[in-house]
Amino acid sequence: MSTTATVNNVLEIIGQLNIEEQSMIAEIVANRVREERRKELKRSVDISRKEYRNGKTESGSVDDFLKAIDAE
């Protein structure tokens, strides 16, 4: 059996904890969010590097980029 918690339910439960426990949960959640963002960034960088190695991207200046957009 799967239980789905809503944000409101979670906040209500957290609200029943003492301030130290609430602070600890806030820190844990913040750390988890940062870690997930790092993972997403790493995946994006890995994809970009692979595309660059495979010749699917080009390098250039911002001016080159803007000229290419205008040419389309």
PDB file of N, CA and C in Angstrom:
ATOM      1  N   MET A   1       0.843  -1.189   0.000  1.00  0.00           N
ATOM      2  CA  MET A   1       0.000   0.000   0.000  1.00  0.00           C
ATOM      3  C   MET A   1       0.877   1.237   0.000  1.00  0.00           C
ATOM      4  N   SER A   2       0.591   2.153  -0.896  1.00  0.00           N
ATOM      5  CA  SER A   2       1.374   3.371  -1.030  1.00  0.00           C
ATOM      6  C   SER A   2       0.635   4.534  -0.383  1.00  0.00           C
ATOM      7  N   THR A   3       1.371   5.336   0.369  1.00  0.00           N
ATOM      8  CA  THR A   3       0.793   6.514   1.011  1.00  0.00           C
ATOM      9  C   THR A   3       1.341   7.757   0.344  1.00  0.00           C
ATOM     10  N   THR A   4       0.457   8.634  -0.069  1.00  0.00           N
ATOM     11  CA  THR A   4       0.869   9.885  -0.682  1.00  0.00           C
ATOM     12  C   THR A   4       0.678  11.002   0.332  1.00  0.00           C
ATOM     13  N   ALA A   5       1.776  11.717   0.616  1.00  0.00           N
ATOM     14  CA  ALA A   5       1.722  12.838   1.554  1.00  0.00           C
ATOM     15  C   ALA A   5       1.642  14.131   0.756  1.00  0.00           C
ATOM     16  N   THR A   6       0.756  14.985   1.145  1.00  0.00           N
ATOM     17  CA  THR A   6       0.687  16.295   0.511  1.00  0.00           C
ATOM     18  C   THR A   6       1.626  17.242   1.249  1.00  0.00           C
ATOM     19  N   VAL A   7       1.970  18.312   0.605  1.00  0.00           N
ATOM     20  CA  VAL A   7       2.841  19.307   1.230  1.00  0.00           C
ATOM     21  C   VAL A   7       2.208  19.799   2.520  1.00  0.00           C
ATOM     22  N   ASN A   8       0.915  20.035   2.499  1.00  0.00           N
ATOM     23  CA  ASN A   8       0.241  20.532   3.686  1.00  0.00           C
ATOM     24  C   ASN A   8       0.338  19.529   4.841  1.00  0.00           C
ATOM     25  N   ASN A   9       0.157  18.226   4.535  1.00  0.00           N
ATOM     26  CA  ASN A   9       0.284  17.202   5.569  1.00  0.00           C
ATOM     27  C   ASN A   9       1.684  17.201   6.170  1.00  0.00           C
ATOM     28  N   VAL A  10       2.669  17.276   5.318  1.00  0.00           N
ATOM     29  CA  VAL A  10       4.056  17.278   5.788  1.00  0.00           C
ATOM     30  C   VAL A  10       4.314  18.491   6.664  1.00  0.00           C
ATOM     31  N   LEU A  11       3.854  19.658   6.239  1.00  0.00           N
ATOM     32  CA  LEU A  11       4.061  20.878   7.021  1.00  0.00           C
ATOM     33  C   LEU A  11       3.350  20.817   8.371  1.00  0.00           C
ATOM     34  N   GLU A  12       2.177  20.223   8.388  1.00  0.00           N
ATOM     35  CA  GLU A  12       1.462  20.070   9.657  1.00  0.00           C
ATOM     36  C   GLU A  12       2.249  19.189  10.627  1.00  0.00           C
ATOM     37  N   ILE A  13       2.794  18.093  10.109  1.00  0.00           N
ATOM     38  CA  ILE A  13       3.584  17.191  10.959  1.00  0.00           C
ATOM     39  C   ILE A  13       4.836  17.891  11.457  1.00  0.00           C
ATOM     40  N   ILE A  14       5.531  18.583  10.551  1.00  0.00           N
ATOM     41  CA  ILE A  14       6.742  19.302  10.946  1.00  0.00           C
ATOM     42  C   ILE A  14       6.417  20.366  11.982  1.00  0.00           C
ATOM     43  N   GLY A  15       5.274  21.005  11.841  1.00  0.00           N
ATOM     44  CA  GLY A  15       4.863  22.039  12.788  1.00  0.00           C
ATOM     45  C   GLY A  15       4.670  21.522  14.203  1.00  0.00           C
ATOM     46  N   GLN A  16       4.483  20.235  14.353  1.00  0.00           N
ATOM     47  CA  GLN A  16       4.306  19.640  15.677  1.00  0.00           C
ATOM     48  C   GLN A  16       5.642  19.328  16.368  1.00  0.00           C
ATOM     49  N   LEU A  17       6.734  19.439  15.618  1.00  0.00           N
ATOM     50  CA  LEU A  17       8.056  19.170  16.185  1.00  0.00           C
ATOM     51  C   LEU A  17       8.596  20.400  16.900  1.00  0.00           C
ATOM     52  N   ASN A  18       9.598  20.171  17.746  1.00  0.00           N
ATOM     53  CA  ASN A  18      10.217  21.319  18.408  1.00  0.00           C
ATOM     54  C   ASN A  18      11.119  22.054  17.407  1.00  0.00           C
ATOM     55  N   ILE A  19      11.551  23.239  17.775  1.00  0.00           N
ATOM     56  CA  ILE A  19      12.287  24.109  16.859  1.00  0.00           C
ATOM     57  C   ILE A  19      13.601  23.478  16.390  1.00  0.00           C
ATOM     58  N   GLU A  20      14.274  22.732  17.265  1.00  0.00           N
ATOM     59  CA  GLU A  20      15.533  22.096  16.878  1.00  0.00           C
ATOM     60  C   GLU A  20      15.285  21.039  15.800  1.00  0.00           C
ATOM     61  N   GLU A  21      14.224  20.257  15.974  1.00  0.00           N
ATOM     62  CA  GLU A  21      13.904  19.236  14.982  1.00  0.00           C
ATOM     63  C   GLU A  21      13.470  19.872  13.659  1.00  0.00           C
ATOM     64  N   GLN A  22      12.708  20.959  13.736  1.00  0.00           N
ATOM     65  CA  GLN A  22      12.309  21.666  12.520  1.00  0.00           C
ATOM     66  C   GLN A  22      13.530  22.206  11.786  1.00  0.00           C
ATOM     67  N   SER A  23      14.465  22.753  12.528  1.00  0.00           N
ATOM     68  CA  SER A  23      15.688  23.285  11.945  1.00  0.00           C
ATOM     69  C   SER A  23      16.495  22.174  11.284  1.00  0.00           C
ATOM     70  N   MET A  24      16.570  21.027  11.940  1.00  0.00           N
ATOM     71  CA  MET A  24      17.305  19.892  11.394  1.00  0.00           C
ATOM     72  C   MET A  24      16.663  19.428  10.086  1.00  0.00           C
ATOM     73  N   ILE A  25      15.341  19.349  10.054  1.00  0.00           N
ATOM     74  CA  ILE A  25      14.640  18.937   8.839  1.00  0.00           C
ATOM     75  C   ILE A  25      14.872  19.949   7.721  1.00  0.00           C
ATOM     76  N   ALA A  26      14.817  21.231   8.047  1.00  0.00           N
ATOM     77  CA  ALA A  26      15.052  22.270   7.045  1.00  0.00           C
ATOM     78  C   ALA A  26      16.448  22.123   6.440  1.00  0.00           C
ATOM     79  N   GLU A  27      17.433  21.845   7.273  1.00  0.00           N
ATOM     80  CA  GLU A  27      18.801  21.681   6.789  1.00  0.00           C
ATOM     81  C   GLU A  27      18.928  20.437   5.911  1.00  0.00           C
ATOM     82  N   ILE A  28      18.313  19.345   6.329  1.00  0.00           N
ATOM     83  CA  ILE A  28      18.356  18.109   5.545  1.00  0.00           C
ATOM     84  C   ILE A  28      17.717  18.307   4.179  1.00  0.00           C
ATOM     85  N   VAL A  29      16.551  18.942   4.157  1.00  0.00           N
ATOM     86  CA  VAL A  29      15.848  19.173   2.891  1.00  0.00           C
ATOM     87  C   VAL A  29      16.676  20.095   1.991  1.00  0.00           C
ATOM     88  N   ALA A  30      17.233  21.148   2.546  1.00  0.00           N
ATOM     89  CA  ALA A  30      18.058  22.071   1.759  1.00  0.00           C
ATOM     90  C   ALA A  30      19.260  21.342   1.167  1.00  0.00           C
ATOM     91  N   ASN A  31      19.899  20.482   1.952  1.00  0.00           N
ATOM     92  CA  ASN A  31      21.034  19.712   1.443  1.00  0.00           C
ATOM     93  C   ASN A  31      20.616  18.773   0.326  1.00  0.00           C
ATOM     94  N   ARG A  32      19.480  18.132   0.472  1.00  0.00           N
ATOM     95  CA  ARG A  32      18.991  17.219  -0.566  1.00  0.00           C
ATOM     96  C   ARG A  32      18.666  17.964  -1.854  1.00  0.00           C
ATOM     97  N   VAL A  33      18.071  19.135  -1.729  1.00  0.00           N
ATOM     98  CA  VAL A  33      17.753  19.933  -2.913  1.00  0.00           C
ATOM     99  C   VAL A  33      19.036  20.350  -3.624  1.00  0.00           C
ATOM    100  N   ARG A  34      20.035  20.815  -2.854  1.00  0.00           N
ATOM    101  CA  ARG A  34      21.316  21.195  -3.456  1.00  0.00           C
ATOM    102  C   ARG A  34      21.948  20.009  -4.172  1.00  0.00           C
ATOM    103  N   GLU A  35      21.911  18.836  -3.564  1.00  0.00           N
ATOM    104  CA  GLU A  35      22.505  17.646  -4.168  1.00  0.00           C
ATOM    105  C   GLU A  35      21.785  17.273  -5.465  1.00  0.00           C
ATOM    106  N   GLU A  36      20.473  17.352  -5.484  1.00  0.00           N
ATOM    107  CA  GLU A  36      19.723  17.041  -6.705  1.00  0.00           C
ATOM    108  C   GLU A  36      20.041  18.045  -7.804  1.00  0.00           C
ATOM    109  N   ARG A  37      20.186  19.314  -7.437  1.00  0.00           N
ATOM    110  CA  ARG A  37      20.551  20.330  -8.443  1.00  0.00           C
ATOM    111  C   ARG A  37      21.941  20.067  -8.988  1.00  0.00           C
ATOM    112  N   ARG A  38      22.862  19.652  -8.128  1.00  0.00           N
ATOM    113  CA  ARG A  38      24.214  19.295  -8.592  1.00  0.00           C
ATOM    114  C   ARG A  38      24.147  18.143  -9.580  1.00  0.00           C
ATOM    115  N   LYS A  39      23.341  17.133  -9.267  1.00  0.00           N
ATOM    116  CA  LYS A  39      23.199  15.981 -10.161  1.00  0.00           C
ATOM    117  C   LYS A  39      22.635  16.406 -11.510  1.00  0.00           C
ATOM    118  N   GLU A  40      21.617  17.272 -11.495  1.00  0.00           N
ATOM    119  CA  GLU A  40      21.040  17.763 -12.747  1.00  0.00           C
ATOM    120  C   GLU A  40      22.063  18.539 -13.557  1.00  0.00           C
ATOM    121  N   LEU A  41      22.832  19.384 -12.899  1.00  0.00           N
ATOM    122  CA  LEU A  41      23.859  20.161 -13.580  1.00  0.00           C
ATOM    123  C   LEU A  41      24.916  19.242 -14.178  1.00  0.00           C
ATOM    124  N   LYS A  42      25.340  18.232 -13.425  1.00  0.00           N
ATOM    125  CA  LYS A  42      26.335  17.281 -13.928  1.00  0.00           C
ATOM    126  C   LYS A  42      25.814  16.548 -15.156  1.00  0.00           C
ATOM    127  N   ARG A  43      24.546  16.116 -15.116  1.00  0.00           N
ATOM    128  CA  ARG A  43      23.961  15.447 -16.284  1.00  0.00           C
ATOM    129  C   ARG A  43      23.975  16.374 -17.495  1.00  0.00           C
ATOM    130  N   SER A  44      23.624  17.628 -17.279  1.00  0.00           N
ATOM    131  CA  SER A  44      23.603  18.591 -18.368  1.00  0.00           C
ATOM    132  C   SER A  44      25.002  18.813 -18.938  1.00  0.00           C
ATOM    133  N   VAL A  45      25.980  18.951 -18.066  1.00  0.00           N
ATOM    134  CA  VAL A  45      27.363  19.144 -18.507  1.00  0.00           C
ATOM    135  C   VAL A  45      27.852  17.914 -19.260  1.00  0.00           C
ATOM    136  N   ASP A  46      27.536  16.722 -18.747  1.00  0.00           N
ATOM    137  CA  ASP A  46      27.948  15.483 -19.416  1.00  0.00           C
ATOM    138  C   ASP A  46      27.362  15.395 -20.825  1.00  0.00           C
ATOM    139  N   ILE A  47      26.081  15.755 -20.968  1.00  0.00           N
ATOM    140  CA  ILE A  47      25.441  15.738 -22.281  1.00  0.00           C
ATOM    141  C   ILE A  47      26.109  16.750 -23.205  1.00  0.00           C
ATOM    142  N   SER A  48      26.369  17.947 -22.686  1.00  0.00           N
ATOM    143  CA  SER A  48      27.003  18.995 -23.497  1.00  0.00           C
ATOM    144  C   SER A  48      28.392  18.575 -23.939  1.00  0.00           C
ATOM    145  N   ARG A  49      29.155  17.977 -23.046  1.00  0.00           N
ATOM    146  CA  ARG A  49      30.505  17.511 -23.406  1.00  0.00           C
ATOM    147  C   ARG A  49      30.446  16.429 -24.469  1.00  0.00           C
ATOM    148  N   LYS A  50      29.509  15.508 -24.339  1.00  0.00           N
ATOM    149  CA  LYS A  50      29.366  14.434 -25.320  1.00  0.00           C
ATOM    150  C   LYS A  50      29.003  15.013 -26.683  1.00  0.00           C
ATOM    151  N   GLU A  51      28.064  15.951 -26.708  1.00  0.00           N
ATOM    152  CA  GLU A  51      27.685  16.581 -27.964  1.00  0.00           C
ATOM    153  C   GLU A  51      28.854  17.344 -28.579  1.00  0.00           C
ATOM    154  N   TYR A  52      29.647  17.987 -27.744  1.00  0.00           N
ATOM    155  CA  TYR A  52      30.817  18.722 -28.243  1.00  0.00           C
ATOM    156  C   TYR A  52      31.829  17.751 -28.858  1.00  0.00           C
ATOM    157  N   ARG A  53      32.095  16.638 -28.151  1.00  0.00           N
ATOM    158  CA  ARG A  53      33.038  15.636 -28.669  1.00  0.00           C
ATOM    159  C   ARG A  53      32.548  15.029 -29.980  1.00  0.00           C
ATOM    160  N   ASN A  54      31.245  14.886 -30.129  1.00  0.00           N
ATOM    161  CA  ASN A  54      30.669  14.292 -31.335  1.00  0.00           C
ATOM    162  C   ASN A  54      30.446  15.318 -32.450  1.00  0.00           C
ATOM    163  N   GLY A  55      30.896  16.544 -32.226  1.00  0.00           N
ATOM    164  CA  GLY A  55      30.793  17.575 -33.249  1.00  0.00           C
ATOM    165  C   GLY A  55      29.384  18.115 -33.445  1.00  0.00           C
ATOM    166  N   LYS A  56      28.542  17.943 -32.469  1.00  0.00           N
ATOM    167  CA  LYS A  56      27.167  18.429 -32.588  1.00  0.00           C
ATOM    168  C   LYS A  56      27.013  19.865 -32.118  1.00  0.00           C
ATOM    169  N   THR A  57      28.085  20.467 -31.643  1.00  0.00           N
ATOM    170  CA  THR A  57      28.036  21.853 -31.197  1.00  0.00           C
ATOM    171  C   THR A  57      29.166  22.627 -31.854  1.00  0.00           C
ATOM    172  N   GLU A  58      29.056  23.915 -31.786  1.00  0.00           N
ATOM    173  CA  GLU A  58      30.099  24.784 -32.319  1.00  0.00           C
ATOM    174  C   GLU A  58      30.525  25.747 -31.230  1.00  0.00           C
ATOM    175  N   SER A  59      31.730  26.239 -31.359  1.00  0.00           N
ATOM    176  CA  SER A  59      32.181  27.256 -30.412  1.00  0.00           C
ATOM    177  C   SER A  59      32.238  28.590 -31.143  1.00  0.00           C
ATOM    178  N   GLY A  60      32.172  29.648 -30.383  1.00  0.00           N
ATOM    179  CA  GLY A  60      32.220  30.974 -30.970  1.00  0.00           C
ATOM    180  C   GLY A  60      31.899  32.018 -29.922  1.00  0.00           C
ATOM    181  N   SER A  61      31.913  33.245 -30.360  1.00  0.00           N
ATOM    182  CA  SER A  61      31.629  34.354 -29.451  1.00  0.00           C
ATOM    183  C   SER A  61      30.124  34.598 -29.383  1.00  0.00           C
ATOM    184  N   VAL A  62      29.746  35.481 -28.498  1.00  0.00           N
ATOM    185  CA  VAL A  62      28.343  35.874 -28.402  1.00  0.00           C
ATOM    186  C   VAL A  62      27.911  36.536 -29.706  1.00  0.00           C
ATOM    187  N   ASP A  63      28.789  37.336 -30.280  1.00  0.00           N
ATOM    188  CA  ASP A  63      28.469  37.982 -31.566  1.00  0.00           C
ATOM    189  C   ASP A  63      28.213  36.945 -32.651  1.00  0.00           C
ATOM    190  N   ASP A  64      29.047  35.883 -32.683  1.00  0.00           N
ATOM    191  CA  ASP A  64      28.837  34.800 -33.654  1.00  0.00           C
ATOM    192  C   ASP A  64      27.465  34.163 -33.452  1.00  0.00           C
ATOM    193  N   PHE A  65      27.109  33.957 -32.199  1.00  0.00           N
ATOM    194  CA  PHE A  65      25.815  33.352 -31.870  1.00  0.00           C
ATOM    195  C   PHE A  65      24.666  34.238 -32.355  1.00  0.00           C
ATOM    196  N   LEU A  66      24.760  35.515 -32.072  1.00  0.00           N
ATOM    197  CA  LEU A  66      23.706  36.444 -32.473  1.00  0.00           C
ATOM    198  C   LEU A  66      23.594  36.544 -33.989  1.00  0.00           C
ATOM    199  N   LYS A  67      24.725  36.520 -34.678  1.00  0.00           N
ATOM    200  CA  LYS A  67      24.704  36.561 -36.148  1.00  0.00           C
ATOM    201  C   LYS A  67      24.041  35.294 -36.697  1.00  0.00           C
ATOM    202  N   ALA A  68      24.323  34.168 -36.088  1.00  0.00           N
ATOM    203  CA  ALA A  68      23.726  32.907 -36.537  1.00  0.00           C
ATOM    204  C   ALA A  68      22.217  32.929 -36.342  1.00  0.00           C
ATOM    205  N   ILE A  69      21.767  33.513 -35.244  1.00  0.00           N
ATOM    206  CA  ILE A  69      20.325  33.611 -34.994  1.00  0.00           C
ATOM    207  C   ILE A  69      19.672  34.533 -36.038  1.00  0.00           C
ATOM    208  N   ASP A  70      20.315  35.657 -36.320  1.00  0.00           N
ATOM    209  CA  ASP A  70      19.777  36.609 -37.296  1.00  0.00           C
ATOM    210  C   ASP A  70      19.716  36.002 -38.689  1.00  0.00           C
ATOM    211  N   ALA A  71      20.648  35.098 -38.994  1.00  0.00           N
ATOM    212  CA  ALA A  71      20.709  34.486 -40.317  1.00  0.00           C
ATOM    213  C   ALA A  71      19.590  33.468 -40.535  1.00  0.00           C
ATOM    214  N   GLU A  72      18.986  33.006 -39.465  1.00  0.00           N
ATOM    215  CA  GLU A  72      17.919  31.987 -39.601  1.00  0.00           C
ATOM    216  C   GLU A  72      16.642  32.539 -40.064  1.00  0.00           C
TER     217      GLU A  72
END
